PDB file of N, CA and C in Angstrom:
ATOM      1  N   UNK A   1      45.380  24.767  76.053  1.00  0.00           N
ATOM      2  CA  UNK A   1      44.765  25.860  75.321  1.00  0.00           C
ATOM      3  C   UNK A   1      43.307  25.522  75.042  1.00  0.00           C
ATOM      4  N   UNK A   2      42.440  26.479  75.091  1.00  0.00           N
ATOM      5  CA  UNK A   2      41.033  26.203  74.822  1.00  0.00           C
ATOM      6  C   UNK A   2      40.782  25.906  73.349  1.00  0.00           C
ATOM      7  N   UNK A   3      39.620  25.298  73.087  1.00  0.00           N
ATOM      8  CA  UNK A   3      39.267  24.896  71.728  1.00  0.00           C
ATOM      9  C   UNK A   3      39.352  26.054  70.747  1.00  0.00           C
ATOM     10  N   UNK A   4      39.027  27.283  71.174  1.00  0.00           N
ATOM     11  CA  UNK A   4      39.013  28.396  70.223  1.00  0.00           C
ATOM     12  C   UNK A   4      40.395  28.717  69.655  1.00  0.00           C
ATOM     13  N   UNK A   5      41.468  28.195  70.260  1.00  0.00           N
ATOM     14  CA  UNK A   5      42.801  28.417  69.714  1.00  0.00           C
ATOM     15  C   UNK A   5      43.175  27.360  68.678  1.00  0.00           C
ATOM     16  N   UNK A   6      42.325  26.389  68.494  1.00  0.00           N
ATOM     17  CA  UNK A   6      42.517  25.357  67.484  1.00  0.00           C
ATOM     18  C   UNK A   6      41.851  25.849  66.205  1.00  0.00           C
ATOM     19  N   UNK A   7      42.500  25.704  65.043  1.00  0.00           N
ATOM     20  CA  UNK A   7      41.842  26.118  63.799  1.00  0.00           C
ATOM     21  C   UNK A   7      40.448  25.494  63.684  1.00  0.00           C
ATOM     22  N   UNK A   8      39.480  26.304  63.329  1.00  0.00           N
ATOM     23  CA  UNK A   8      38.081  25.861  63.292  1.00  0.00           C
ATOM     24  C   UNK A   8      37.884  24.641  62.404  1.00  0.00           C
ATOM     25  N   UNK A   9      38.544  24.601  61.250  1.00  0.00           N
ATOM     26  CA  UNK A   9      38.370  23.470  60.340  1.00  0.00           C
ATOM     27  C   UNK A   9      38.836  22.171  60.988  1.00  0.00           C
ATOM     28  N   UNK A  10      39.945  22.226  61.734  1.00  0.00           N
ATOM     29  CA  UNK A  10      40.445  21.022  62.399  1.00  0.00           C
ATOM     30  C   UNK A  10      39.535  20.614  63.556  1.00  0.00           C
ATOM     31  N   UNK A  11      39.077  21.572  64.338  1.00  0.00           N
ATOM     32  CA  UNK A  11      38.162  21.256  65.446  1.00  0.00           C
ATOM     33  C   UNK A  11      36.869  20.649  64.912  1.00  0.00           C
ATOM     34  N   UNK A  12      36.321  21.222  63.842  1.00  0.00           N
ATOM     35  CA  UNK A  12      35.093  20.694  63.251  1.00  0.00           C
ATOM     36  C   UNK A  12      35.302  19.279  62.729  1.00  0.00           C
ATOM     37  N   UNK A  13      36.428  19.047  62.052  1.00  0.00           N
ATOM     38  CA  UNK A  13      36.729  17.725  61.522  1.00  0.00           C
ATOM     39  C   UNK A  13      36.806  16.704  62.651  1.00  0.00           C
ATOM     40  N   UNK A  14      37.480  17.047  63.742  1.00  0.00           N
ATOM     41  CA  UNK A  14      37.612  16.116  64.863  1.00  0.00           C
ATOM     42  C   UNK A  14      36.266  15.833  65.522  1.00  0.00           C
ATOM     43  N   UNK A  15      35.460  16.852  65.742  1.00  0.00           N
ATOM     44  CA  UNK A  15      34.124  16.623  66.309  1.00  0.00           C
ATOM     45  C   UNK A  15      33.311  15.697  65.406  1.00  0.00           C
ATOM     46  N   UNK A  16      33.356  15.942  64.112  1.00  0.00           N
ATOM     47  CA  UNK A  16      32.618  15.120  63.146  1.00  0.00           C
ATOM     48  C   UNK A  16      33.127  13.676  63.171  1.00  0.00           C
ATOM     49  N   UNK A  17      34.447  13.500  63.260  1.00  0.00           N
ATOM     50  CA  UNK A  17      35.026  12.155  63.317  1.00  0.00           C
ATOM     51  C   UNK A  17      34.473  11.354  64.487  1.00  0.00           C
ATOM     52  N   UNK A  18      34.459  11.957  65.666  1.00  0.00           N
ATOM     53  CA  UNK A  18      33.990  11.238  66.847  1.00  0.00           C
ATOM     54  C   UNK A  18      32.492  10.955  66.777  1.00  0.00           C
ATOM     55  N   UNK A  19      31.724  11.888  66.263  1.00  0.00           N
ATOM     56  CA  UNK A  19      30.286  11.656  66.109  1.00  0.00           C
ATOM     57  C   UNK A  19      30.030  10.466  65.186  1.00  0.00           C
ATOM     58  N   UNK A  20      30.731  10.429  64.059  1.00  0.00           N
ATOM     59  CA  UNK A  20      30.541   9.342  63.102  1.00  0.00           C
ATOM     60  C   UNK A  20      31.065   8.028  63.669  1.00  0.00           C
ATOM     61  N   UNK A  21      32.218   8.045  64.333  1.00  0.00           N
ATOM     62  CA  UNK A  21      32.767   6.826  64.930  1.00  0.00           C
ATOM     63  C   UNK A  21      31.747   6.197  65.877  1.00  0.00           C
ATOM     64  N   UNK A  22      31.088   7.005  66.672  1.00  0.00           N
ATOM     65  CA  UNK A  22      30.128   6.480  67.642  1.00  0.00           C
ATOM     66  C   UNK A  22      28.903   5.858  66.992  1.00  0.00           C
ATOM     67  N   UNK A  23      28.617   6.202  65.737  1.00  0.00           N
ATOM     68  CA  UNK A  23      27.510   5.572  65.009  1.00  0.00           C
ATOM     69  C   UNK A  23      27.968   4.310  64.287  1.00  0.00           C
ATOM     70  N   UNK A  24      29.252   4.108  64.169  1.00  0.00           N
ATOM     71  CA  UNK A  24      29.895   3.003  63.455  1.00  0.00           C
ATOM     72  C   UNK A  24      29.702   3.087  61.941  1.00  0.00           C
ATOM     73  N   UNK A  25      29.249   4.193  61.419  1.00  0.00           N
ATOM     74  CA  UNK A  25      29.056   4.383  59.984  1.00  0.00           C
ATOM     75  C   UNK A  25      30.278   5.110  59.427  1.00  0.00           C
ATOM     76  N   UNK A  26      31.417   4.418  59.407  1.00  0.00           N
ATOM     77  CA  UNK A  26      32.700   5.074  59.182  1.00  0.00           C
ATOM     78  C   UNK A  26      33.210   5.048  57.740  1.00  0.00           C
ATOM     79  N   UNK A  27      32.522   4.393  56.830  1.00  0.00           N
ATOM     80  CA  UNK A  27      33.040   4.279  55.462  1.00  0.00           C
ATOM     81  C   UNK A  27      33.342   5.627  54.825  1.00  0.00           C
ATOM     82  N   UNK A  28      32.405   6.553  54.886  1.00  0.00           N
ATOM     83  CA  UNK A  28      32.618   7.867  54.283  1.00  0.00           C
ATOM     84  C   UNK A  28      33.608   8.697  55.085  1.00  0.00           C
ATOM     85  N   UNK A  29      33.606   8.523  56.393  1.00  0.00           N
ATOM     86  CA  UNK A  29      34.497   9.286  57.260  1.00  0.00           C
ATOM     87  C   UNK A  29      35.954   9.091  56.871  1.00  0.00           C
ATOM     88  N   UNK A  30      36.390   7.874  56.747  1.00  0.00           N
ATOM     89  CA  UNK A  30      37.805   7.644  56.505  1.00  0.00           C
ATOM     90  C   UNK A  30      38.258   8.221  55.177  1.00  0.00           C
ATOM     91  N   UNK A  31      37.435   8.144  54.178  1.00  0.00           N
ATOM     92  CA  UNK A  31      37.804   8.672  52.861  1.00  0.00           C
ATOM     93  C   UNK A  31      37.856  10.201  52.877  1.00  0.00           C
ATOM     94  N   UNK A  32      36.938  10.817  53.586  1.00  0.00           N
ATOM     95  CA  UNK A  32      36.832  12.272  53.547  1.00  0.00           C
ATOM     96  C   UNK A  32      37.777  12.974  54.506  1.00  0.00           C
ATOM     97  N   UNK A  33      38.079  12.358  55.631  1.00  0.00           N
ATOM     98  CA  UNK A  33      38.799  13.055  56.690  1.00  0.00           C
ATOM     99  C   UNK A  33      40.235  12.602  56.890  1.00  0.00           C
ATOM    100  N   UNK A  34      40.602  11.424  56.395  1.00  0.00           N
ATOM    101  CA  UNK A  34      41.944  10.892  56.622  1.00  0.00           C
ATOM    102  C   UNK A  34      42.830  11.096  55.408  1.00  0.00           C
ATOM    103  N   UNK A  35      44.068  11.453  55.667  1.00  0.00           N
ATOM    104  CA  UNK A  35      45.074  11.520  54.614  1.00  0.00           C
ATOM    105  C   UNK A  35      45.264  10.101  54.066  1.00  0.00           C
ATOM    106  N   UNK A  36      45.502   9.947  52.756  1.00  0.00           N
ATOM    107  CA  UNK A  36      45.665   8.596  52.197  1.00  0.00           C
ATOM    108  C   UNK A  36      46.747   7.766  52.894  1.00  0.00           C
ATOM    109  N   UNK A  37      47.775   8.412  53.414  1.00  0.00           N
ATOM    110  CA  UNK A  37      48.872   7.705  54.085  1.00  0.00           C
ATOM    111  C   UNK A  37      48.746   7.759  55.605  1.00  0.00           C
ATOM    112  N   UNK A  38      47.524   7.863  56.125  1.00  0.00           N
ATOM    113  CA  UNK A  38      47.314   7.998  57.569  1.00  0.00           C
ATOM    114  C   UNK A  38      48.054   6.893  58.336  1.00  0.00           C
ATOM    115  N   UNK A  39      48.608   7.277  59.474  1.00  0.00           N
ATOM    116  CA  UNK A  39      49.328   6.374  60.377  1.00  0.00           C
ATOM    117  C   UNK A  39      48.517   6.322  61.669  1.00  0.00           C
ATOM    118  N   UNK A  40      48.012   5.140  62.037  1.00  0.00           N
ATOM    119  CA  UNK A  40      47.022   5.005  63.108  1.00  0.00           C
ATOM    120  C   UNK A  40      47.432   3.901  64.077  1.00  0.00           C
ATOM    121  N   UNK A  41      47.169   4.069  65.370  1.00  0.00           N
ATOM    122  CA  UNK A  41      47.540   3.017  66.314  1.00  0.00           C
ATOM    123  C   UNK A  41      46.538   1.860  66.327  1.00  0.00           C
ATOM    124  N   UNK A  42      47.058   0.658  66.313  1.00  0.00           N
ATOM    125  CA  UNK A  42      46.253  -0.539  66.550  1.00  0.00           C
ATOM    126  C   UNK A  42      46.487  -0.894  68.010  1.00  0.00           C
ATOM    127  N   UNK A  43      45.659  -0.362  68.887  1.00  0.00           N
ATOM    128  CA  UNK A  43      45.878  -0.544  70.322  1.00  0.00           C
ATOM    129  C   UNK A  43      45.605  -1.977  70.761  1.00  0.00           C
ATOM    130  N   UNK A  44      44.819  -2.717  70.012  1.00  0.00           N
ATOM    131  CA  UNK A  44      44.527  -4.100  70.367  1.00  0.00           C
ATOM    132  C   UNK A  44      45.742  -4.996  70.210  1.00  0.00           C
ATOM    133  N   UNK A  45      46.580  -4.714  69.214  1.00  0.00           N
ATOM    134  CA  UNK A  45      47.736  -5.559  68.928  1.00  0.00           C
ATOM    135  C   UNK A  45      49.063  -4.861  69.186  1.00  0.00           C
ATOM    136  N   UNK A  46      49.030  -3.600  69.596  1.00  0.00           N
ATOM    137  CA  UNK A  46      50.256  -2.879  69.909  1.00  0.00           C
ATOM    138  C   UNK A  46      51.136  -2.572  68.714  1.00  0.00           C
ATOM    139  N   UNK A  47      50.521  -2.292  67.570  1.00  0.00           N
ATOM    140  CA  UNK A  47      51.308  -1.927  66.387  1.00  0.00           C
ATOM    141  C   UNK A  47      50.632  -0.770  65.669  1.00  0.00           C
ATOM    142  N   UNK A  48      51.156  -0.370  64.528  1.00  0.00           N
ATOM    143  CA  UNK A  48      50.626   0.757  63.762  1.00  0.00           C
ATOM    144  C   UNK A  48      49.951   0.245  62.492  1.00  0.00           C
ATOM    145  N   UNK A  49      48.962   1.006  62.046  1.00  0.00           N
ATOM    146  CA  UNK A  49      48.245   0.724  60.805  1.00  0.00           C
ATOM    147  C   UNK A  49      48.540   1.870  59.851  1.00  0.00           C
ATOM    148  N   UNK A  50      48.735   1.552  58.577  1.00  0.00           N
ATOM    149  CA  UNK A  50      49.045   2.581  57.587  1.00  0.00           C
ATOM    150  C   UNK A  50      48.024   2.535  56.455  1.00  0.00           C
ATOM    151  N   UNK A  51      47.481   3.697  56.134  1.00  0.00           N
ATOM    152  CA  UNK A  51      46.542   3.816  55.031  1.00  0.00           C
ATOM    153  C   UNK A  51      45.092   3.758  55.476  1.00  0.00           C
ATOM    154  N   UNK A  52      44.252   4.406  54.691  1.00  0.00           N
ATOM    155  CA  UNK A  52      42.826   4.508  54.994  1.00  0.00           C
ATOM    156  C   UNK A  52      42.173   3.132  55.048  1.00  0.00           C
ATOM    157  N   UNK A  53      42.488   2.259  54.094  1.00  0.00           N
ATOM    158  CA  UNK A  53      41.866   0.934  54.078  1.00  0.00           C
ATOM    159  C   UNK A  53      42.210   0.145  55.338  1.00  0.00           C
ATOM    160  N   UNK A  54      43.433   0.282  55.818  1.00  0.00           N
ATOM    161  CA  UNK A  54      43.844  -0.405  57.037  1.00  0.00           C
ATOM    162  C   UNK A  54      43.079   0.079  58.253  1.00  0.00           C
ATOM    163  N   UNK A  55      42.892   1.395  58.365  1.00  0.00           N
ATOM    164  CA  UNK A  55      42.144   1.952  59.498  1.00  0.00           C
ATOM    165  C   UNK A  55      40.690   1.496  59.436  1.00  0.00           C
ATOM    166  N   UNK A  56      40.111   1.542  58.260  1.00  0.00           N
ATOM    167  CA  UNK A  56      38.723   1.122  58.100  1.00  0.00           C
ATOM    168  C   UNK A  56      38.545  -0.345  58.492  1.00  0.00           C
ATOM    169  N   UNK A  57      39.441  -1.215  58.040  1.00  0.00           N
ATOM    170  CA  UNK A  57      39.364  -2.643  58.384  1.00  0.00           C
ATOM    171  C   UNK A  57      39.528  -2.853  59.892  1.00  0.00           C
ATOM    172  N   UNK A  58      40.432  -2.114  60.509  1.00  0.00           N
ATOM    173  CA  UNK A  58      40.653  -2.199  61.958  1.00  0.00           C
ATOM    174  C   UNK A  58      39.380  -1.841  62.719  1.00  0.00           C
ATOM    175  N   UNK A  59      38.767  -0.733  62.342  1.00  0.00           N
ATOM    176  CA  UNK A  59      37.539  -0.324  63.020  1.00  0.00           C
ATOM    177  C   UNK A  59      36.433  -1.355  62.828  1.00  0.00           C
ATOM    178  N   UNK A  60      36.303  -1.889  61.626  1.00  0.00           N
ATOM    179  CA  UNK A  60      35.244  -2.871  61.376  1.00  0.00           C
ATOM    180  C   UNK A  60      35.462  -4.138  62.195  1.00  0.00           C
ATOM    181  N   UNK A  61      36.722  -4.526  62.417  1.00  0.00           N
ATOM    182  CA  UNK A  61      37.003  -5.670  63.300  1.00  0.00           C
ATOM    183  C   UNK A  61      36.553  -5.348  64.725  1.00  0.00           C
ATOM    184  N   UNK A  62      36.835  -4.129  65.186  1.00  0.00           N
ATOM    185  CA  UNK A  62      36.386  -3.719  66.521  1.00  0.00           C
ATOM    186  C   UNK A  62      34.858  -3.759  66.614  1.00  0.00           C
ATOM    187  N   UNK A  63      34.191  -3.215  65.622  1.00  0.00           N
ATOM    188  CA  UNK A  63      32.736  -3.112  65.644  1.00  0.00           C
ATOM    189  C   UNK A  63      32.066  -4.486  65.579  1.00  0.00           C
ATOM    190  N   UNK A  64      32.754  -5.487  65.026  1.00  0.00           N
ATOM    191  CA  UNK A  64      32.181  -6.829  64.927  1.00  0.00           C
ATOM    192  C   UNK A  64      32.033  -7.483  66.302  1.00  0.00           C
ATOM    193  N   UNK A  65      32.829  -7.041  67.276  1.00  0.00           N
ATOM    194  CA  UNK A  65      32.790  -7.668  68.602  1.00  0.00           C
ATOM    195  C   UNK A  65      32.242  -6.751  69.691  1.00  0.00           C
ATOM    196  N   UNK A  66      32.169  -5.456  69.454  1.00  0.00           N
ATOM    197  CA  UNK A  66      31.716  -4.521  70.484  1.00  0.00           C
ATOM    198  C   UNK A  66      31.237  -3.227  69.827  1.00  0.00           C
ATOM    199  N   UNK A  67      30.554  -2.411  70.611  1.00  0.00           N
ATOM    200  CA  UNK A  67      30.151  -1.078  70.149  1.00  0.00           C
ATOM    201  C   UNK A  67      30.887  -0.050  71.010  1.00  0.00           C
ATOM    202  N   UNK A  68      32.140   0.266  70.605  1.00  0.00           N
ATOM    203  CA  UNK A  68      32.897   1.254  71.383  1.00  0.00           C
ATOM    204  C   UNK A  68      32.320   2.651  71.203  1.00  0.00           C
ATOM    205  N   UNK A  69      32.482   3.456  72.237  1.00  0.00           N
ATOM    206  CA  UNK A  69      32.062   4.856  72.221  1.00  0.00           C
ATOM    207  C   UNK A  69      33.231   5.713  72.680  1.00  0.00           C
ATOM    208  N   UNK A  70      33.309   6.923  72.154  1.00  0.00           N
ATOM    209  CA  UNK A  70      34.344   7.862  72.585  1.00  0.00           C
ATOM    210  C   UNK A  70      33.693   9.236  72.706  1.00  0.00           C
ATOM    211  N   UNK A  71      33.840   9.861  73.874  1.00  0.00           N
ATOM    212  CA  UNK A  71      33.232  11.170  74.128  1.00  0.00           C
ATOM    213  C   UNK A  71      34.333  12.210  74.337  1.00  0.00           C
ATOM    214  N   UNK A  72      34.293  13.276  73.560  1.00  0.00           N
ATOM    215  CA  UNK A  72      35.263  14.366  73.709  1.00  0.00           C
ATOM    216  C   UNK A  72      34.963  15.132  74.994  1.00  0.00           C
ATOM    217  N   UNK A  73      36.019  15.348  75.788  1.00  0.00           N
ATOM    218  CA  UNK A  73      35.878  16.146  77.007  1.00  0.00           C
ATOM    219  C   UNK A  73      36.693  17.430  76.939  1.00  0.00           C
ATOM    220  N   UNK A  74      37.448  17.607  75.871  1.00  0.00           N
ATOM    221  CA  UNK A  74      38.215  18.827  75.678  1.00  0.00           C
ATOM    222  C   UNK A  74      39.224  18.660  74.558  1.00  0.00           C
ATOM    223  N   UNK A  75      39.749  19.773  74.083  1.00  0.00           N
ATOM    224  CA  UNK A  75      40.787  19.782  73.053  1.00  0.00           C
ATOM    225  C   UNK A  75      41.829  20.812  73.430  1.00  0.00           C
ATOM    226  N   UNK A  76      43.062  20.557  72.991  1.00  0.00           N
ATOM    227  CA  UNK A  76      44.132  21.520  73.238  1.00  0.00           C
ATOM    228  C   UNK A  76      45.096  21.510  72.063  1.00  0.00           C
ATOM    229  N   UNK A  77      45.470  22.705  71.613  1.00  0.00           N
ATOM    230  CA  UNK A  77      46.517  22.829  70.605  1.00  0.00           C
ATOM    231  C   UNK A  77      47.859  22.695  71.314  1.00  0.00           C
ATOM    232  N   UNK A  78      48.744  21.891  70.744  1.00  0.00           N
ATOM    233  CA  UNK A  78      50.065  21.719  71.330  1.00  0.00           C
ATOM    234  C   UNK A  78      51.053  22.629  70.618  1.00  0.00           C
ATOM    235  N   UNK A  79      52.175  22.901  71.265  1.00  0.00           N
ATOM    236  CA  UNK A  79      53.153  23.840  70.707  1.00  0.00           C
ATOM    237  C   UNK A  79      53.688  23.398  69.357  1.00  0.00           C
ATOM    238  N   UNK A  80      53.725  22.094  69.105  1.00  0.00           N
ATOM    239  CA  UNK A  80      54.260  21.592  67.841  1.00  0.00           C
ATOM    240  C   UNK A  80      53.207  21.537  66.732  1.00  0.00           C
ATOM    241  N   UNK A  81      51.996  22.043  67.007  1.00  0.00           N
ATOM    242  CA  UNK A  81      50.949  22.081  65.994  1.00  0.00           C
ATOM    243  C   UNK A  81      49.977  20.914  66.049  1.00  0.00           C
ATOM    244  N   UNK A  82      50.303  19.892  66.832  1.00  0.00           N
ATOM    245  CA  UNK A  82      49.373  18.776  66.965  1.00  0.00           C
ATOM    246  C   UNK A  82      48.187  19.203  67.830  1.00  0.00           C
ATOM    247  N   UNK A  83      47.128  18.417  67.762  1.00  0.00           N
ATOM    248  CA  UNK A  83      45.947  18.693  68.571  1.00  0.00           C
ATOM    249  C   UNK A  83      45.677  17.486  69.457  1.00  0.00           C
ATOM    250  N   UNK A  84      45.589  17.735  70.758  1.00  0.00           N
ATOM    251  CA  UNK A  84      45.262  16.687  71.719  1.00  0.00           C
ATOM    252  C   UNK A  84      43.767  16.749  72.014  1.00  0.00           C
ATOM    253  N   UNK A  85      43.102  15.629  71.844  1.00  0.00           N
ATOM    254  CA  UNK A  85      41.679  15.520  72.147  1.00  0.00           C
ATOM    255  C   UNK A  85      41.551  14.640  73.384  1.00  0.00           C
ATOM    256  N   UNK A  86      41.051  15.227  74.457  1.00  0.00           N
ATOM    257  CA  UNK A  86      40.889  14.521  75.727  1.00  0.00           C
ATOM    258  C   UNK A  86      39.560  13.780  75.667  1.00  0.00           C
ATOM    259  N   UNK A  87      39.586  12.443  75.793  1.00  0.00           N
ATOM    260  CA  UNK A  87      38.379  11.639  75.593  1.00  0.00           C
ATOM    261  C   UNK A  87      38.131  10.662  76.738  1.00  0.00           C
ATOM    262  N   UNK A  88      36.880  10.330  76.883  1.00  0.00           N
ATOM    263  CA  UNK A  88      36.450   9.255  77.783  1.00  0.00           C
ATOM    264  C   UNK A  88      35.913   8.137  76.894  1.00  0.00           C
ATOM    265  N   UNK A  89      36.350   6.919  77.153  1.00  0.00           N
ATOM    266  CA  UNK A  89      35.924   5.783  76.353  1.00  0.00           C
ATOM    267  C   UNK A  89      34.778   5.054  77.032  1.00  0.00           C
ATOM    268  N   UNK A  90      33.972   4.390  76.211  1.00  0.00           N
ATOM    269  CA  UNK A  90      32.866   3.615  76.745  1.00  0.00           C
ATOM    270  C   UNK A  90      32.463   2.511  75.791  1.00  0.00           C
ATOM    271  N   UNK A  91      31.450   1.763  76.200  1.00  0.00           N
ATOM    272  CA  UNK A  91      30.876   0.701  75.377  1.00  0.00           C
ATOM    273  C   UNK A  91      29.363   0.792  75.469  1.00  0.00           C
ATOM    274  N   UNK A  92      28.700   0.415  74.388  1.00  0.00           N
ATOM    275  CA  UNK A  92      27.242   0.352  74.369  1.00  0.00           C
ATOM    276  C   UNK A  92      26.846  -1.124  74.300  1.00  0.00           C
ATOM    277  N   UNK A  93      25.894  -1.509  75.143  1.00  0.00           N
ATOM    278  CA  UNK A  93      25.346  -2.857  75.078  1.00  0.00           C
ATOM    279  C   UNK A  93      23.838  -2.795  75.285  1.00  0.00           C
ATOM    280  N   UNK A  94      23.209  -3.949  75.466  1.00  0.00           N
ATOM    281  CA  UNK A  94      21.755  -4.002  75.605  1.00  0.00           C
ATOM    282  C   UNK A  94      21.254  -3.222  76.815  1.00  0.00           C
ATOM    283  N   UNK A  95      22.120  -3.001  77.794  1.00  0.00           N
ATOM    284  CA  UNK A  95      21.731  -2.270  78.998  1.00  0.00           C
ATOM    285  C   UNK A  95      22.019  -0.776  78.916  1.00  0.00           C
ATOM    286  N   UNK A  96      22.546  -0.303  77.793  1.00  0.00           N
ATOM    287  CA  UNK A  96      22.819   1.123  77.636  1.00  0.00           C
ATOM    288  C   UNK A  96      24.290   1.422  77.444  1.00  0.00           C
ATOM    289  N   UNK A  97      24.658   2.664  77.716  1.00  0.00           N
ATOM    290  CA  UNK A  97      26.036   3.124  77.552  1.00  0.00           C
ATOM    291  C   UNK A  97      26.765   3.042  78.887  1.00  0.00           C
ATOM    292  N   UNK A  98      28.009   2.580  78.833  1.00  0.00           N
ATOM    293  CA  UNK A  98      28.843   2.432  80.026  1.00  0.00           C
ATOM    294  C   UNK A  98      30.150   3.176  79.774  1.00  0.00           C
ATOM    295  N   UNK A  99      30.481   4.142  80.629  1.00  0.00           N
ATOM    296  CA  UNK A  99      31.661   4.978  80.437  1.00  0.00           C
ATOM    297  C   UNK A  99      32.743   4.615  81.444  1.00  0.00           C
ATOM    298  N   UNK A 100      33.990   4.621  80.995  1.00  0.00           N
ATOM    299  CA  UNK A 100      35.114   4.327  81.884  1.00  0.00           C
ATOM    300  C   UNK A 100      35.349   5.485  82.845  1.00  0.00           C
ATOM    301  N   UNK A 101      35.998   5.171  83.953  1.00  0.00           N
ATOM    302  CA  UNK A 101      36.351   6.215  84.916  1.00  0.00           C
ATOM    303  C   UNK A 101      37.539   7.030  84.422  1.00  0.00           C
ATOM    304  N   UNK A 102      38.445   6.380  83.717  1.00  0.00           N
ATOM    305  CA  UNK A 102      39.656   7.050  83.264  1.00  0.00           C
ATOM    306  C   UNK A 102      39.497   7.706  81.908  1.00  0.00           C
ATOM    307  N   UNK A 103      40.439   8.550  81.586  1.00  0.00           N
ATOM    308  CA  UNK A 103      40.442   9.236  80.293  1.00  0.00           C
ATOM    309  C   UNK A 103      41.795   9.046  79.622  1.00  0.00           C
ATOM    310  N   UNK A 104      41.800   9.291  78.323  1.00  0.00           N
ATOM    311  CA  UNK A 104      43.027   9.246  77.535  1.00  0.00           C
ATOM    312  C   UNK A 104      43.047  10.449  76.602  1.00  0.00           C
ATOM    313  N   UNK A 105      44.201  10.680  75.997  1.00  0.00           N
ATOM    314  CA  UNK A 105      44.326  11.715  74.977  1.00  0.00           C
ATOM    315  C   UNK A 105      44.600  11.056  73.634  1.00  0.00           C
ATOM    316  N   UNK A 106      43.893  11.501  72.614  1.00  0.00           N
ATOM    317  CA  UNK A 106      44.187  11.159  71.228  1.00  0.00           C
ATOM    318  C   UNK A 106      44.890  12.380  70.649  1.00  0.00           C
ATOM    319  N   UNK A 107      46.099  12.197  70.152  1.00  0.00           N
ATOM    320  CA  UNK A 107      46.905  13.322  69.673  1.00  0.00           C
ATOM    321  C   UNK A 107      47.036  13.202  68.155  1.00  0.00           C
ATOM    322  N   UNK A 108      46.600  14.254  67.456  1.00  0.00           N
ATOM    323  CA  UNK A 108      46.501  14.233  65.999  1.00  0.00           C
ATOM    324  C   UNK A 108      47.495  15.176  65.335  1.00  0.00           C
ATOM    325  N   UNK A 109      48.026  14.700  64.211  1.00  0.00           N
ATOM    326  CA  UNK A 109      48.820  15.509  63.299  1.00  0.00           C
ATOM    327  C   UNK A 109      48.026  15.608  61.997  1.00  0.00           C
ATOM    328  N   UNK A 110      47.980  16.799  61.420  1.00  0.00           N
ATOM    329  CA  UNK A 110      47.257  17.026  60.171  1.00  0.00           C
ATOM    330  C   UNK A 110      48.236  17.272  59.029  1.00  0.00           C
ATOM    331  N   UNK A 111      47.847  16.829  57.831  1.00  0.00           N
ATOM    332  CA  UNK A 111      48.602  17.131  56.612  1.00  0.00           C
ATOM    333  C   UNK A 111      47.580  17.333  55.497  1.00  0.00           C
ATOM    334  N   UNK A 112      47.735  18.403  54.755  1.00  0.00           N
ATOM    335  CA  UNK A 112      46.809  18.730  53.662  1.00  0.00           C
ATOM    336  C   UNK A 112      45.361  18.808  54.149  1.00  0.00           C
ATOM    337  N   UNK A 113      45.164  19.288  55.384  1.00  0.00           N
ATOM    338  CA  UNK A 113      43.833  19.462  55.933  1.00  0.00           C
ATOM    339  C   UNK A 113      43.159  18.190  56.416  1.00  0.00           C
ATOM    340  N   UNK A 114      43.901  17.080  56.422  1.00  0.00           N
ATOM    341  CA  UNK A 114      43.331  15.798  56.837  1.00  0.00           C
ATOM    342  C   UNK A 114      44.165  15.189  57.958  1.00  0.00           C
ATOM    343  N   UNK A 115      43.563  14.266  58.689  1.00  0.00           N
ATOM    344  CA  UNK A 115      44.283  13.563  59.753  1.00  0.00           C
ATOM    345  C   UNK A 115      45.338  12.665  59.121  1.00  0.00           C
ATOM    346  N   UNK A 116      46.599  12.872  59.522  1.00  0.00           N
ATOM    347  CA  UNK A 116      47.701  12.091  58.972  1.00  0.00           C
ATOM    348  C   UNK A 116      48.304  11.126  59.994  1.00  0.00           C
ATOM    349  N   UNK A 117      48.121  11.412  61.285  1.00  0.00           N
ATOM    350  CA  UNK A 117      48.742  10.587  62.329  1.00  0.00           C
ATOM    351  C   UNK A 117      47.942  10.743  63.618  1.00  0.00           C
ATOM    352  N   UNK A 118      47.788   9.623  64.335  1.00  0.00           N
ATOM    353  CA  UNK A 118      47.154   9.676  65.654  1.00  0.00           C
ATOM    354  C   UNK A 118      47.945   8.802  66.601  1.00  0.00           C
ATOM    355  N   UNK A 119      48.121   9.306  67.808  1.00  0.00           N
ATOM    356  CA  UNK A 119      48.725   8.498  68.861  1.00  0.00           C
ATOM    357  C   UNK A 119      47.844   8.594  70.096  1.00  0.00           C
ATOM    358  N   UNK A 120      47.970   7.607  70.957  1.00  0.00           N
ATOM    359  CA  UNK A 120      47.208   7.562  72.198  1.00  0.00           C
ATOM    360  C   UNK A 120      48.185   7.738  73.349  1.00  0.00           C
ATOM    361  N   UNK A 121      47.816   8.581  74.304  1.00  0.00           N
ATOM    362  CA  UNK A 121      48.629   8.724  75.511  1.00  0.00           C
ATOM    363  C   UNK A 121      47.708   8.870  76.715  1.00  0.00           C
ATOM    364  N   UNK A 122      48.270   8.675  77.886  1.00  0.00           N
ATOM    365  CA  UNK A 122      47.473   8.807  79.101  1.00  0.00           C
ATOM    366  C   UNK A 122      46.861  10.192  79.159  1.00  0.00           C
ATOM    367  N   UNK A 123      45.643  10.271  79.653  1.00  0.00           N
ATOM    368  CA  UNK A 123      44.933  11.544  79.728  1.00  0.00           C
ATOM    369  C   UNK A 123      45.618  12.532  80.643  1.00  0.00           C
ATOM    370  N   UNK A 124      45.591  13.792  80.229  1.00  0.00           N
ATOM    371  CA  UNK A 124      46.220  14.858  81.012  1.00  0.00           C
ATOM    372  C   UNK A 124      45.191  15.778  81.646  1.00  0.00           C
ATOM    373  N   UNK A 125      43.921  15.501  81.456  1.00  0.00           N
ATOM    374  CA  UNK A 125      42.872  16.339  82.036  1.00  0.00           C
ATOM    375  C   UNK A 125      42.175  17.151  80.972  1.00  0.00           C
ATOM    376  N   UNK A 126      40.966  17.626  81.272  1.00  0.00           N
ATOM    377  CA  UNK A 126      40.222  18.409  80.281  1.00  0.00           C
ATOM    378  C   UNK A 126      41.003  19.631  79.836  1.00  0.00           C
ATOM    379  N   UNK A 127      40.908  19.896  78.551  1.00  0.00           N
ATOM    380  CA  UNK A 127      41.617  21.048  77.980  1.00  0.00           C
ATOM    381  C   UNK A 127      40.857  22.313  78.262  1.00  0.00           C
TER     382      UNK A 127
END
């Protein structure tokens, strides 16, 4: 489904999340956009993180060793109400930005207008 079928508030929140993530200035983001009981994947260790403080600490550990980038290439509303964000991942270094050839989907569940759950799955193509 095209982005216009996604509630505007959720689409705006997701766009804002990715913009802020790419700047690494995430302190305000997690408090404002994440549900207090957010459930988030720790892809580095293959487990789940629970709570805003856990997600913030996870991201800061990532940022200490690299400058990850994530670019939205599309969004789709799923039948169960979740939103799939089709993304391309990259890294920034002294030589500039480097983007991967492959894509993945970040699939979000919202509760009380905030992100409550995210999972990662293989990319299905631009929405």
